[in-house]
Amino acid sequence: MTAKKVDPDRVYRVAIKILKGLFYYNEGELIPEDKPITFDIISPDQKLPEIFMAALGVKPILGDFKACFAYRYGQFPEAHNMWLWTFWLWESLTLTFAFHDLNCECEECKPSCPPIS
């Protein structure tokens, strides 16, 4: 197998656009531009984090061409309505995403600027 060097910043920019498009396609809502999203790249020799295995293991695998691109996602009320998503690329590289509910008002999710009154 040939190793490729991956630029995580570039992958992040593209992956977030795909995530936002799939979120809208599946849920009918837009993820705000300023929504904090945790992102990680899992190489083929690494295991998927346990939280993703436990939470998404029962969810269906989606995607029309699963050998190239597949994904799973779900929202979990027991974890403050956290959204968890995984993408599988070429049945080897895994991308993970986690973010709070779109209506979350915690300190992490609040905009950094106070609202204009």
N, C-alpha and C. Protein backbone atom coordinates (compact mmCIF):
# COMPACT_ATOMS: atom_id res chain seq x y z
N MET A 1 0.84 -1.18 0.00
CA MET A 1 0.00 0.00 0.00
C MET A 1 0.89 1.24 0.00
N THR A 2 0.55 2.20 -0.82
CA THR A 2 1.31 3.44 -0.91
C THR A 2 0.78 4.44 0.10
N ALA A 3 1.69 5.03 0.86
CA ALA A 3 1.29 6.04 1.85
C ALA A 3 1.20 7.40 1.17
N LYS A 4 0.20 8.14 1.55
CA LYS A 4 0.02 9.50 1.04
C LYS A 4 0.08 10.46 2.21
N LYS A 5 0.69 11.60 1.97
CA LYS A 5 0.72 12.64 2.99
C LYS A 5 -0.57 13.44 2.89
N VAL A 6 -1.22 13.65 4.03
CA VAL A 6 -2.50 14.34 4.07
C VAL A 6 -2.33 15.68 4.75
N ASP A 7 -2.85 16.73 4.14
CA ASP A 7 -2.86 18.06 4.75
C ASP A 7 -4.16 18.19 5.54
N PRO A 8 -4.11 18.07 6.90
CA PRO A 8 -5.34 18.06 7.69
C PRO A 8 -6.18 19.33 7.53
N ASP A 9 -5.55 20.49 7.35
CA ASP A 9 -6.31 21.73 7.19
C ASP A 9 -7.13 21.72 5.90
N ARG A 10 -6.52 21.23 4.85
CA ARG A 10 -7.22 21.16 3.57
C ARG A 10 -8.35 20.13 3.61
N VAL A 11 -8.06 18.97 4.22
CA VAL A 11 -9.09 17.94 4.37
C VAL A 11 -10.24 18.50 5.20
N TYR A 12 -9.93 19.23 6.28
CA TYR A 12 -10.96 19.81 7.15
C TYR A 12 -11.88 20.74 6.36
N ARG A 13 -11.31 21.63 5.58
CA ARG A 13 -12.12 22.59 4.82
C ARG A 13 -13.09 21.88 3.87
N VAL A 14 -12.61 20.86 3.19
CA VAL A 14 -13.47 20.12 2.26
C VAL A 14 -14.48 19.27 3.03
N ALA A 15 -14.02 18.57 4.07
CA ALA A 15 -14.89 17.66 4.83
C ALA A 15 -16.03 18.42 5.51
N ILE A 16 -15.74 19.61 6.03
CA ILE A 16 -16.79 20.40 6.69
C ILE A 16 -17.87 20.80 5.68
N LYS A 17 -17.47 21.11 4.47
CA LYS A 17 -18.46 21.45 3.43
C LYS A 17 -19.34 20.24 3.11
N ILE A 18 -18.72 19.07 3.03
CA ILE A 18 -19.49 17.85 2.78
C ILE A 18 -20.42 17.57 3.96
N LEU A 19 -19.90 17.70 5.19
CA LEU A 19 -20.72 17.49 6.38
C LEU A 19 -21.93 18.42 6.38
N LYS A 20 -21.70 19.70 6.12
CA LYS A 20 -22.80 20.66 6.13
C LYS A 20 -23.83 20.35 5.05
N GLY A 21 -23.37 19.92 3.89
CA GLY A 21 -24.29 19.54 2.82
C GLY A 21 -25.10 18.31 3.18
N LEU A 22 -24.45 17.29 3.74
CA LEU A 22 -25.16 16.08 4.15
C LEU A 22 -26.11 16.35 5.31
N PHE A 23 -25.71 17.23 6.21
CA PHE A 23 -26.59 17.57 7.33
C PHE A 23 -27.87 18.22 6.80
N TYR A 24 -27.71 19.13 5.87
CA TYR A 24 -28.89 19.78 5.29
C TYR A 24 -29.73 18.75 4.51
N TYR A 25 -29.08 17.91 3.76
CA TYR A 25 -29.78 16.89 2.96
C TYR A 25 -30.59 15.95 3.86
N ASN A 26 -29.98 15.52 4.97
CA ASN A 26 -30.62 14.54 5.85
C ASN A 26 -31.53 15.15 6.89
N GLU A 27 -31.20 16.33 7.40
CA GLU A 27 -31.93 16.92 8.51
C GLU A 27 -32.72 18.17 8.14
N GLY A 28 -32.45 18.76 6.98
CA GLY A 28 -33.19 19.94 6.54
C GLY A 28 -32.85 21.21 7.30
N GLU A 29 -31.71 21.22 7.96
CA GLU A 29 -31.27 22.41 8.70
C GLU A 29 -29.85 22.76 8.31
N LEU A 30 -29.51 24.04 8.44
CA LEU A 30 -28.16 24.51 8.15
C LEU A 30 -27.33 24.54 9.43
N ILE A 31 -26.11 24.07 9.34
CA ILE A 31 -25.17 24.21 10.46
C ILE A 31 -24.59 25.62 10.36
N PRO A 32 -24.71 26.42 11.43
CA PRO A 32 -24.17 27.79 11.37
C PRO A 32 -22.66 27.80 11.11
N GLU A 33 -22.20 28.82 10.42
CA GLU A 33 -20.77 28.96 10.10
C GLU A 33 -19.90 28.95 11.35
N ASP A 34 -20.40 29.55 12.45
CA ASP A 34 -19.58 29.67 13.65
C ASP A 34 -19.79 28.51 14.63
N LYS A 35 -20.45 27.45 14.22
CA LYS A 35 -20.70 26.31 15.10
C LYS A 35 -19.39 25.55 15.32
N PRO A 36 -18.96 25.40 16.57
CA PRO A 36 -17.73 24.62 16.82
C PRO A 36 -17.94 23.15 16.48
N ILE A 37 -17.04 22.60 15.66
CA ILE A 37 -17.12 21.21 15.24
C ILE A 37 -15.77 20.55 15.50
N THR A 38 -15.79 19.46 16.25
CA THR A 38 -14.57 18.69 16.48
C THR A 38 -14.37 17.76 15.30
N PHE A 39 -13.15 17.69 14.81
CA PHE A 39 -12.83 16.92 13.62
C PHE A 39 -11.56 16.12 13.86
N ASP A 40 -11.54 14.88 13.36
CA ASP A 40 -10.33 14.06 13.47
C ASP A 40 -10.22 13.16 12.25
N ILE A 41 -8.99 12.85 11.90
CA ILE A 41 -8.71 11.91 10.82
C ILE A 41 -8.16 10.64 11.48
N ILE A 42 -8.80 9.52 11.19
CA ILE A 42 -8.39 8.25 11.76
C ILE A 42 -7.75 7.43 10.63
N SER A 43 -6.49 7.09 10.79
CA SER A 43 -5.80 6.32 9.74
C SER A 43 -6.25 4.86 9.78
N PRO A 44 -6.01 4.13 8.70
CA PRO A 44 -6.47 2.74 8.64
C PRO A 44 -5.94 1.84 9.76
N ASP A 45 -4.78 2.17 10.31
CA ASP A 45 -4.21 1.34 11.37
C ASP A 45 -4.70 1.73 12.78
N GLN A 46 -5.55 2.73 12.88
CA GLN A 46 -6.10 3.16 14.16
C GLN A 46 -7.54 2.69 14.30
N LYS A 47 -7.96 2.54 15.56
CA LYS A 47 -9.35 2.18 15.83
C LYS A 47 -10.20 3.44 15.94
N LEU A 48 -11.45 3.30 15.57
CA LEU A 48 -12.40 4.38 15.74
C LEU A 48 -12.59 4.62 17.24
N PRO A 49 -12.65 5.88 17.69
CA PRO A 49 -12.86 6.15 19.12
C PRO A 49 -14.10 5.41 19.65
N GLU A 50 -14.02 4.93 20.86
CA GLU A 50 -15.07 4.10 21.46
C GLU A 50 -16.44 4.78 21.43
N ILE A 51 -16.49 6.09 21.69
CA ILE A 51 -17.79 6.77 21.70
C ILE A 51 -18.49 6.64 20.35
N PHE A 52 -17.72 6.71 19.26
CA PHE A 52 -18.32 6.58 17.93
C PHE A 52 -18.77 5.14 17.69
N MET A 53 -17.98 4.18 18.14
CA MET A 53 -18.35 2.77 17.98
C MET A 53 -19.64 2.47 18.73
N ALA A 54 -19.69 2.93 19.98
CA ALA A 54 -20.86 2.64 20.83
C ALA A 54 -22.11 3.37 20.33
N ALA A 55 -21.95 4.62 19.96
CA ALA A 55 -23.10 5.44 19.60
C ALA A 55 -23.62 5.17 18.18
N LEU A 56 -22.72 4.91 17.25
CA LEU A 56 -23.14 4.79 15.86
C LEU A 56 -23.21 3.36 15.34
N GLY A 57 -22.82 2.40 16.17
CA GLY A 57 -22.78 1.01 15.72
C GLY A 57 -24.11 0.48 15.23
N VAL A 58 -25.20 0.98 15.75
CA VAL A 58 -26.53 0.49 15.35
C VAL A 58 -27.16 1.34 14.24
N LYS A 59 -26.54 2.42 13.91
CA LYS A 59 -27.09 3.31 12.86
C LYS A 59 -26.77 2.74 11.48
N PRO A 60 -27.62 2.99 10.50
CA PRO A 60 -27.37 2.46 9.15
C PRO A 60 -26.18 3.17 8.49
N ILE A 61 -25.48 2.43 7.65
CA ILE A 61 -24.41 3.02 6.85
C ILE A 61 -25.06 3.58 5.59
N LEU A 62 -24.80 4.84 5.31
CA LEU A 62 -25.42 5.55 4.20
C LEU A 62 -24.39 5.84 3.11
N GLY A 63 -24.88 6.11 1.92
CA GLY A 63 -24.02 6.44 0.79
C GLY A 63 -24.32 5.53 -0.37
N ASP A 64 -24.33 6.07 -1.57
CA ASP A 64 -24.67 5.29 -2.75
C ASP A 64 -23.50 4.43 -3.26
N PHE A 65 -22.28 4.87 -3.04
CA PHE A 65 -21.09 4.15 -3.50
C PHE A 65 -20.18 3.91 -2.31
N LYS A 66 -20.55 2.97 -1.46
CA LYS A 66 -19.90 2.77 -0.16
C LYS A 66 -18.42 2.42 -0.26
N ALA A 67 -17.98 1.87 -1.36
CA ALA A 67 -16.56 1.56 -1.51
C ALA A 67 -15.73 2.84 -1.62
N CYS A 68 -16.35 3.93 -2.05
CA CYS A 68 -15.66 5.22 -2.19
C CYS A 68 -15.97 6.16 -1.03
N PHE A 69 -17.26 6.22 -0.65
CA PHE A 69 -17.68 7.14 0.40
C PHE A 69 -18.91 6.59 1.09
N ALA A 70 -18.82 6.46 2.40
CA ALA A 70 -19.96 6.03 3.21
C ALA A 70 -19.97 6.88 4.46
N TYR A 71 -21.13 6.97 5.10
CA TYR A 71 -21.21 7.74 6.33
C TYR A 71 -22.29 7.20 7.24
N ARG A 72 -22.12 7.53 8.52
CA ARG A 72 -23.11 7.23 9.57
C ARG A 72 -23.22 8.47 10.42
N TYR A 73 -24.40 8.65 10.99
CA TYR A 73 -24.56 9.78 11.90
C TYR A 73 -25.70 9.53 12.84
N GLY A 74 -25.73 10.32 13.91
CA GLY A 74 -26.83 10.25 14.84
C GLY A 74 -26.73 11.37 15.87
N GLN A 75 -27.87 11.65 16.49
CA GLN A 75 -27.93 12.63 17.57
C GLN A 75 -28.25 11.87 18.84
N PHE A 76 -27.61 12.24 19.94
CA PHE A 76 -27.69 11.45 21.15
C PHE A 76 -28.13 12.30 22.33
N PRO A 77 -29.43 12.19 22.70
CA PRO A 77 -29.99 12.98 23.80
C PRO A 77 -29.26 12.74 25.13
N GLU A 78 -28.78 11.52 25.34
CA GLU A 78 -28.08 11.22 26.60
C GLU A 78 -26.74 11.93 26.70
N ALA A 79 -26.26 12.51 25.62
CA ALA A 79 -25.00 13.26 25.62
C ALA A 79 -25.27 14.70 25.18
N HIS A 80 -26.25 15.34 25.81
CA HIS A 80 -26.59 16.75 25.53
C HIS A 80 -26.92 16.99 24.06
N ASN A 81 -27.62 16.03 23.44
CA ASN A 81 -28.01 16.14 22.02
C ASN A 81 -26.83 16.31 21.08
N MET A 82 -25.72 15.69 21.43
CA MET A 82 -24.50 15.75 20.60
C MET A 82 -24.75 15.04 19.27
N TRP A 83 -24.29 15.66 18.20
CA TRP A 83 -24.30 15.03 16.88
C TRP A 83 -22.94 14.37 16.67
N LEU A 84 -22.94 13.12 16.25
CA LEU A 84 -21.72 12.41 15.89
C LEU A 84 -21.86 11.94 14.45
N TRP A 85 -20.82 12.15 13.67
CA TRP A 85 -20.79 11.74 12.27
C TRP A 85 -19.47 11.05 11.98
N THR A 86 -19.50 10.04 11.13
CA THR A 86 -18.27 9.44 10.60
C THR A 86 -18.39 9.34 9.09
N PHE A 87 -17.29 9.59 8.41
CA PHE A 87 -17.18 9.39 6.97
C PHE A 87 -16.12 8.32 6.76
N TRP A 88 -16.35 7.40 5.83
CA TRP A 88 -15.33 6.44 5.43
C TRP A 88 -14.99 6.70 3.98
N LEU A 89 -13.71 6.90 3.71
CA LEU A 89 -13.23 7.16 2.36
C LEU A 89 -12.44 5.96 1.87
N TRP A 90 -12.82 5.44 0.74
CA TRP A 90 -12.14 4.31 0.11
C TRP A 90 -12.02 3.10 1.05
N GLU A 91 -13.00 2.92 1.91
CA GLU A 91 -13.05 1.83 2.87
C GLU A 91 -11.81 1.74 3.75
N SER A 92 -11.12 2.86 3.94
CA SER A 92 -9.91 2.82 4.78
C SER A 92 -9.76 4.04 5.68
N LEU A 93 -9.79 5.22 5.13
CA LEU A 93 -9.61 6.43 5.91
C LEU A 93 -10.93 6.85 6.54
N THR A 94 -10.90 7.19 7.82
CA THR A 94 -12.11 7.58 8.53
C THR A 94 -11.98 9.01 9.03
N LEU A 95 -13.04 9.79 8.84
CA LEU A 95 -13.12 11.15 9.38
C LEU A 95 -14.23 11.15 10.42
N THR A 96 -13.98 11.77 11.56
CA THR A 96 -15.00 11.87 12.59
C THR A 96 -15.31 13.33 12.88
N PHE A 97 -16.57 13.58 13.22
CA PHE A 97 -17.05 14.93 13.54
C PHE A 97 -17.96 14.83 14.76
N ALA A 98 -17.89 15.83 15.61
CA ALA A 98 -18.80 15.91 16.76
C ALA A 98 -19.14 17.37 16.98
N PHE A 99 -20.42 17.62 17.23
CA PHE A 99 -20.82 19.00 17.55
C PHE A 99 -22.11 18.96 18.34
N HIS A 100 -22.31 20.01 19.12
CA HIS A 100 -23.51 20.12 19.95
C HIS A 100 -24.74 20.39 19.11
N ASP A 101 -25.90 20.15 19.71
CA ASP A 101 -27.17 20.45 19.08
C ASP A 101 -27.16 21.88 18.52
N LEU A 102 -27.84 22.11 17.42
CA LEU A 102 -27.83 23.44 16.79
C LEU A 102 -28.41 24.52 17.70
N ASN A 103 -29.28 24.15 18.64
CA ASN A 103 -29.87 25.12 19.56
C ASN A 103 -29.17 25.18 20.91
N CYS A 104 -28.00 24.58 21.01
CA CYS A 104 -27.26 24.55 22.27
C CYS A 104 -26.86 25.97 22.68
N GLU A 105 -26.97 26.25 23.97
CA GLU A 105 -26.63 27.58 24.48
C GLU A 105 -25.46 27.53 25.47
N CYS A 106 -24.67 26.45 25.44
CA CYS A 106 -23.54 26.35 26.37
C CYS A 106 -22.48 27.40 26.01
N GLU A 107 -21.54 27.58 26.90
CA GLU A 107 -20.50 28.60 26.70
C GLU A 107 -19.68 28.34 25.43
N GLU A 108 -19.44 27.08 25.13
CA GLU A 108 -18.65 26.74 23.95
C GLU A 108 -19.38 27.12 22.65
N CYS A 109 -20.70 27.03 22.67
CA CYS A 109 -21.49 27.27 21.46
C CYS A 109 -21.95 28.72 21.29
N LYS A 110 -21.90 29.49 22.37
CA LYS A 110 -22.35 30.89 22.25
C LYS A 110 -21.40 31.69 21.37
N PRO A 111 -21.93 32.60 20.58
CA PRO A 111 -21.04 33.46 19.78
C PRO A 111 -20.13 34.26 20.69
N SER A 112 -18.95 34.57 20.20
CA SER A 112 -17.97 35.32 21.02
C SER A 112 -18.37 36.78 21.19
N CYS A 113 -19.19 37.31 20.32
CA CYS A 113 -19.64 38.70 20.44
C CYS A 113 -21.04 38.73 21.06
N PRO A 114 -21.30 39.70 21.93
CA PRO A 114 -22.65 39.80 22.49
C PRO A 114 -23.62 40.24 21.41
N PRO A 115 -24.89 39.86 21.54
CA PRO A 115 -25.87 40.28 20.52
C PRO A 115 -26.05 41.80 20.51
N ILE A 116 -26.31 42.32 19.33
CA ILE A 116 -26.55 43.75 19.19
C ILE A 116 -28.00 44.04 19.57
N SER A 117 -28.20 44.98 20.47
CA SER A 117 -29.58 45.28 20.88
C SER A 117 -30.07 46.58 20.29
